[in-house]
Amino acid sequence: MKTKKIAALVLLTCLMFCSTALPVFAGNIEDEPVYEDPQEPYVYTYVSSNYFMISNGTAYAETLFVGFSNITSRAVVEIKLQHRFLFWWSDVSGGTWNDTVYDYQGTVSHSLDLTQYGDFRAIFTVRVYGSGSDYDEINQTLYDSN
């Protein structure tokens, strides 16, 4: 009886180690779809960059954009600062800014003294317009904590 228990234990141990060492494939890798970035080049925007940082309890958010001098007419920039509590994000009081720059290039900067600690994010939405109502939309979310 004792040898049967030992043999069963050894067999079970071997099966555990052998089963974890075998690779498992869910499908043929050649059948996987190829994902490409559907984003076409921007029409009114040459370059755009966003910056977000928290230092000494102050959040700093900045957007820079450069369009084309004879094509780009303005940019509308929205920056929204949010704080995370467990799994949920909520807007920070005084941390939503909307600016319009009537030029083909510009920088928008804001800062806010934080009253909370933890994880924060800045959601940037930049709409760069041509002469009409068409625009390029650039969205980015950046994270930091204090």
C-alpha atoms as a PDB file:
ATOM      1  CA  MET A   1       0.000   0.000   0.000  1.00  0.00           C
ATOM      2  CA  LYS A   2       2.840   2.365   0.858  1.00  0.00           C
ATOM      3  CA  THR A   3       4.604   1.709  -2.454  1.00  0.00           C
ATOM      4  CA  LYS A   4       1.403   2.480  -4.389  1.00  0.00           C
ATOM      5  CA  LYS A   5       1.174   5.881  -2.662  1.00  0.00           C
ATOM      6  CA  ILE A   6       4.827   6.629  -3.387  1.00  0.00           C
ATOM      7  CA  ALA A   7       4.467   5.520  -7.017  1.00  0.00           C
ATOM      8  CA  ALA A   8       1.339   7.658  -7.439  1.00  0.00           C
ATOM      9  CA  LEU A   9       3.115  10.654  -5.895  1.00  0.00           C
ATOM     10  CA  VAL A  10       6.134  10.232  -8.201  1.00  0.00           C
ATOM     11  CA  LEU A  11       3.882   9.838 -11.238  1.00  0.00           C
ATOM     12  CA  LEU A  12       1.851  12.908 -10.280  1.00  0.00           C
ATOM     13  CA  THR A  13       5.043  14.933  -9.777  1.00  0.00           C
ATOM     14  CA  CYS A  14       6.383  13.859 -13.173  1.00  0.00           C
ATOM     15  CA  LEU A  15       3.120  14.777 -14.867  1.00  0.00           C
ATOM     16  CA  MET A  16       3.135  18.215 -13.257  1.00  0.00           C
ATOM     17  CA  PHE A  17       6.669  18.996 -14.398  1.00  0.00           C
ATOM     18  CA  CYS A  18       6.205  17.547 -17.886  1.00  0.00           C
ATOM     19  CA  SER A  19       2.917  19.343 -18.522  1.00  0.00           C
ATOM     20  CA  THR A  20       4.342  22.755 -17.597  1.00  0.00           C
ATOM     21  CA  ALA A  21       7.339  22.302 -19.883  1.00  0.00           C
ATOM     22  CA  LEU A  22       5.303  21.633 -23.028  1.00  0.00           C
ATOM     23  CA  PRO A  23       4.412  24.635 -25.181  1.00  0.00           C
ATOM     24  CA  VAL A  24       0.757  25.134 -25.985  1.00  0.00           C
ATOM     25  CA  PHE A  25      -0.451  26.989 -29.075  1.00  0.00           C
ATOM     26  CA  ALA A  26      -3.984  28.254 -29.541  1.00  0.00           C
ATOM     27  CA  GLY A  27      -3.688  28.637 -33.281  1.00  0.00           C
ATOM     28  CA  ASN A  28      -1.396  28.956 -36.221  1.00  0.00           C
ATOM     29  CA  ILE A  29       0.644  32.153 -36.019  1.00  0.00           C
ATOM     30  CA  GLU A  30       0.333  32.664 -39.784  1.00  0.00           C
ATOM     31  CA  ASP A  31      -3.450  32.934 -39.359  1.00  0.00           C
ATOM     32  CA  GLU A  32      -3.163  35.896 -36.995  1.00  0.00           C
ATOM     33  CA  PRO A  33      -4.324  39.227 -38.459  1.00  0.00           C
ATOM     34  CA  VAL A  34      -1.802  41.972 -39.060  1.00  0.00           C
ATOM     35  CA  TYR A  35      -2.753  45.217 -37.347  1.00  0.00           C
ATOM     36  CA  GLU A  36      -1.628  48.458 -38.900  1.00  0.00           C
ATOM     37  CA  ASP A  37      -2.025  51.957 -37.577  1.00  0.00           C
ATOM     38  CA  PRO A  38      -5.046  53.385 -39.399  1.00  0.00           C
ATOM     39  CA  GLN A  39      -3.941  56.973 -38.657  1.00  0.00           C
ATOM     40  CA  GLU A  40      -3.326  58.895 -41.820  1.00  0.00           C
ATOM     41  CA  PRO A  41      -0.800  61.721 -41.831  1.00  0.00           C
ATOM     42  CA  TYR A  42      -2.135  64.934 -40.376  1.00  0.00           C
ATOM     43  CA  VAL A  43      -3.294  67.614 -42.788  1.00  0.00           C
ATOM     44  CA  TYR A  44      -2.968  70.739 -40.625  1.00  0.00           C
ATOM     45  CA  THR A  45      -0.369  69.631 -38.052  1.00  0.00           C
ATOM     46  CA  TYR A  46       3.356  69.337 -38.595  1.00  0.00           C
ATOM     47  CA  VAL A  47       4.217  68.313 -35.021  1.00  0.00           C
ATOM     48  CA  SER A  48       2.450  68.159 -31.675  1.00  0.00           C
ATOM     49  CA  SER A  49       3.768  67.117 -28.265  1.00  0.00           C
ATOM     50  CA  ASN A  50       2.358  66.956 -24.753  1.00  0.00           C
ATOM     51  CA  TYR A  51       4.093  67.069 -21.391  1.00  0.00           C
ATOM     52  CA  PHE A  52       2.815  66.154 -17.912  1.00  0.00           C
ATOM     53  CA  MET A  53       4.764  66.068 -14.665  1.00  0.00           C
ATOM     54  CA  ILE A  54       4.129  66.339 -10.923  1.00  0.00           C
ATOM     55  CA  SER A  55       6.844  67.927  -8.816  1.00  0.00           C
ATOM     56  CA  ASN A  56       6.633  68.965  -5.160  1.00  0.00           C
ATOM     57  CA  GLY A  57       2.841  68.659  -5.142  1.00  0.00           C
ATOM     58  CA  THR A  58       2.305  70.746  -8.277  1.00  0.00           C
ATOM     59  CA  ALA A  59       1.039  69.307 -11.564  1.00  0.00           C
ATOM     60  CA  TYR A  60       2.430  70.783 -14.786  1.00  0.00           C
ATOM     61  CA  ALA A  61       0.752  70.174 -18.163  1.00  0.00           C
ATOM     62  CA  GLU A  62       1.873  71.599 -21.483  1.00  0.00           C
ATOM     63  CA  THR A  63       0.980  71.215 -25.148  1.00  0.00           C
ATOM     64  CA  LEU A  64       3.078  72.387 -28.061  1.00  0.00           C
ATOM     65  CA  PHE A  65       1.884  72.308 -31.650  1.00  0.00           C
ATOM     66  CA  VAL A  66       3.271  73.487 -34.967  1.00  0.00           C
ATOM     67  CA  GLY A  67       1.139  73.615 -38.073  1.00  0.00           C
ATOM     68  CA  PHE A  68       1.725  75.111 -41.501  1.00  0.00           C
ATOM     69  CA  SER A  69       1.883  78.901 -41.861  1.00  0.00           C
ATOM     70  CA  ASN A  70      -0.450  79.150 -44.858  1.00  0.00           C
ATOM     71  CA  ILE A  71      -2.781  76.280 -43.937  1.00  0.00           C
ATOM     72  CA  THR A  72      -3.258  76.097 -40.152  1.00  0.00           C
ATOM     73  CA  SER A  73      -5.563  78.763 -38.688  1.00  0.00           C
ATOM     74  CA  ARG A  74      -5.925  77.885 -34.999  1.00  0.00           C
ATOM     75  CA  ALA A  75      -5.822  75.148 -32.379  1.00  0.00           C
ATOM     76  CA  VAL A  76      -8.264  74.296 -29.605  1.00  0.00           C
ATOM     77  CA  VAL A  77      -6.577  72.597 -26.654  1.00  0.00           C
ATOM     78  CA  GLU A  78      -8.345  70.796 -23.819  1.00  0.00           C
ATOM     79  CA  ILE A  79      -6.358  69.442 -20.885  1.00  0.00           C
ATOM     80  CA  LYS A  80      -8.178  67.473 -18.199  1.00  0.00           C
ATOM     81  CA  LEU A  81      -6.447  66.410 -14.975  1.00  0.00           C
ATOM     82  CA  GLN A  82      -7.800  63.335 -13.188  1.00  0.00           C
ATOM     83  CA  HIS A  83      -7.009  61.514  -9.926  1.00  0.00           C
ATOM     84  CA  ARG A  84      -7.344  57.765  -9.431  1.00  0.00           C
ATOM     85  CA  PHE A  85      -9.166  56.275  -6.462  1.00  0.00           C
ATOM     86  CA  LEU A  86      -8.902  52.479  -6.490  1.00  0.00           C
ATOM     87  CA  PHE A  87     -10.048  51.617 -10.048  1.00  0.00           C
ATOM     88  CA  TRP A  88     -11.873  54.852 -10.905  1.00  0.00           C
ATOM     89  CA  TRP A  89     -10.673  58.168 -12.296  1.00  0.00           C
ATOM     90  CA  SER A  90     -12.318  61.437 -11.273  1.00  0.00           C
ATOM     91  CA  ASP A  91     -11.759  65.012 -12.416  1.00  0.00           C
ATOM     92  CA  VAL A  92      -9.568  67.196 -10.221  1.00  0.00           C
ATOM     93  CA  SER A  93     -11.219  70.434  -9.120  1.00  0.00           C
ATOM     94  CA  GLY A  94      -9.718  73.313 -11.104  1.00  0.00           C
ATOM     95  CA  GLY A  95      -7.864  70.878 -13.366  1.00  0.00           C
ATOM     96  CA  THR A  96      -9.745  71.303 -16.640  1.00  0.00           C
ATOM     97  CA  TRP A  97      -8.448  73.902 -19.080  1.00  0.00           C
ATOM     98  CA  ASN A  98      -9.745  74.942 -22.511  1.00  0.00           C
ATOM     99  CA  ASP A  99      -7.647  77.250 -24.657  1.00  0.00           C
ATOM    100  CA  THR A 100      -7.761  78.505 -28.232  1.00  0.00           C
ATOM    101  CA  VAL A 101      -4.602  79.683 -29.982  1.00  0.00           C
ATOM    102  CA  TYR A 102      -5.233  81.743 -33.126  1.00  0.00           C
ATOM    103  CA  ASP A 103      -1.953  81.004 -34.865  1.00  0.00           C
ATOM    104  CA  TYR A 104      -0.342  78.199 -36.810  1.00  0.00           C
ATOM    105  CA  GLN A 105       1.912  77.362 -33.849  1.00  0.00           C
ATOM    106  CA  GLY A 106       1.761  77.757 -30.111  1.00  0.00           C
ATOM    107  CA  THR A 107       2.264  76.465 -26.601  1.00  0.00           C
ATOM    108  CA  VAL A 108      -0.344  76.084 -23.869  1.00  0.00           C
ATOM    109  CA  SER A 109       0.892  75.611 -20.282  1.00  0.00           C
ATOM    110  CA  HIS A 110      -0.972  75.167 -17.008  1.00  0.00           C
ATOM    111  CA  SER A 111      -0.108  74.208 -13.453  1.00  0.00           C
ATOM    112  CA  LEU A 112      -2.139  73.296 -10.404  1.00  0.00           C
ATOM    113  CA  ASP A 113      -1.223  72.813  -6.748  1.00  0.00           C
ATOM    114  CA  LEU A 114      -2.564  69.394  -5.782  1.00  0.00           C
ATOM    115  CA  THR A 115      -4.397  68.715  -2.545  1.00  0.00           C
ATOM    116  CA  GLN A 116      -4.379  64.933  -2.985  1.00  0.00           C
ATOM    117  CA  TYR A 117      -1.683  62.292  -3.220  1.00  0.00           C
ATOM    118  CA  GLY A 118      -1.604  59.281  -5.492  1.00  0.00           C
ATOM    119  CA  ASP A 119      -1.862  58.572  -9.196  1.00  0.00           C
ATOM    120  CA  PHE A 120      -2.851  61.261 -11.660  1.00  0.00           C
ATOM    121  CA  ARG A 121      -3.318  61.502 -15.397  1.00  0.00           C
ATOM    122  CA  ALA A 122      -3.624  64.341 -17.868  1.00  0.00           C
ATOM    123  CA  ILE A 123      -5.878  63.831 -20.877  1.00  0.00           C
ATOM    124  CA  PHE A 124      -4.880  66.011 -23.818  1.00  0.00           C
ATOM    125  CA  THR A 125      -7.182  66.737 -26.758  1.00  0.00           C
ATOM    126  CA  VAL A 126      -5.679  69.024 -29.402  1.00  0.00           C
ATOM    127  CA  ARG A 127      -7.701  70.033 -32.452  1.00  0.00           C
ATOM    128  CA  VAL A 128      -5.658  71.822 -35.094  1.00  0.00           C
ATOM    129  CA  TYR A 129      -7.865  73.569 -37.669  1.00  0.00           C
ATOM    130  CA  GLY A 130      -7.338  74.595 -41.258  1.00  0.00           C
ATOM    131  CA  SER A 131      -9.108  77.572 -42.815  1.00  0.00           C
ATOM    132  CA  GLY A 132     -12.523  75.873 -42.624  1.00  0.00           C
ATOM    133  CA  SER A 133     -14.126  73.624 -40.046  1.00  0.00           C
ATOM    134  CA  ASP A 134     -11.946  70.565 -40.755  1.00  0.00           C
ATOM    135  CA  TYR A 135      -9.352  69.695 -38.138  1.00  0.00           C
ATOM    136  CA  ASP A 136      -6.738  67.183 -37.037  1.00  0.00           C
ATOM    137  CA  GLU A 137      -7.438  65.684 -33.602  1.00  0.00           C
ATOM    138  CA  ILE A 138      -4.529  64.541 -31.473  1.00  0.00           C
ATOM    139  CA  ASN A 139      -5.389  62.648 -28.266  1.00  0.00           C
ATOM    140  CA  GLN A 140      -2.918  61.536 -25.628  1.00  0.00           C
ATOM    141  CA  THR A 141      -3.093  60.523 -21.967  1.00  0.00           C
ATOM    142  CA  LEU A 142      -0.018  60.852 -19.748  1.00  0.00           C
ATOM    143  CA  TYR A 143       0.416  59.554 -16.177  1.00  0.00           C
ATOM    144  CA  ASP A 144       2.377  60.581 -13.086  1.00  0.00           C
ATOM    145  CA  SER A 145       2.085  60.326  -9.309  1.00  0.00           C
ATOM    146  CA  ASN A 146       3.112  62.261  -6.238  1.00  0.00           C
END
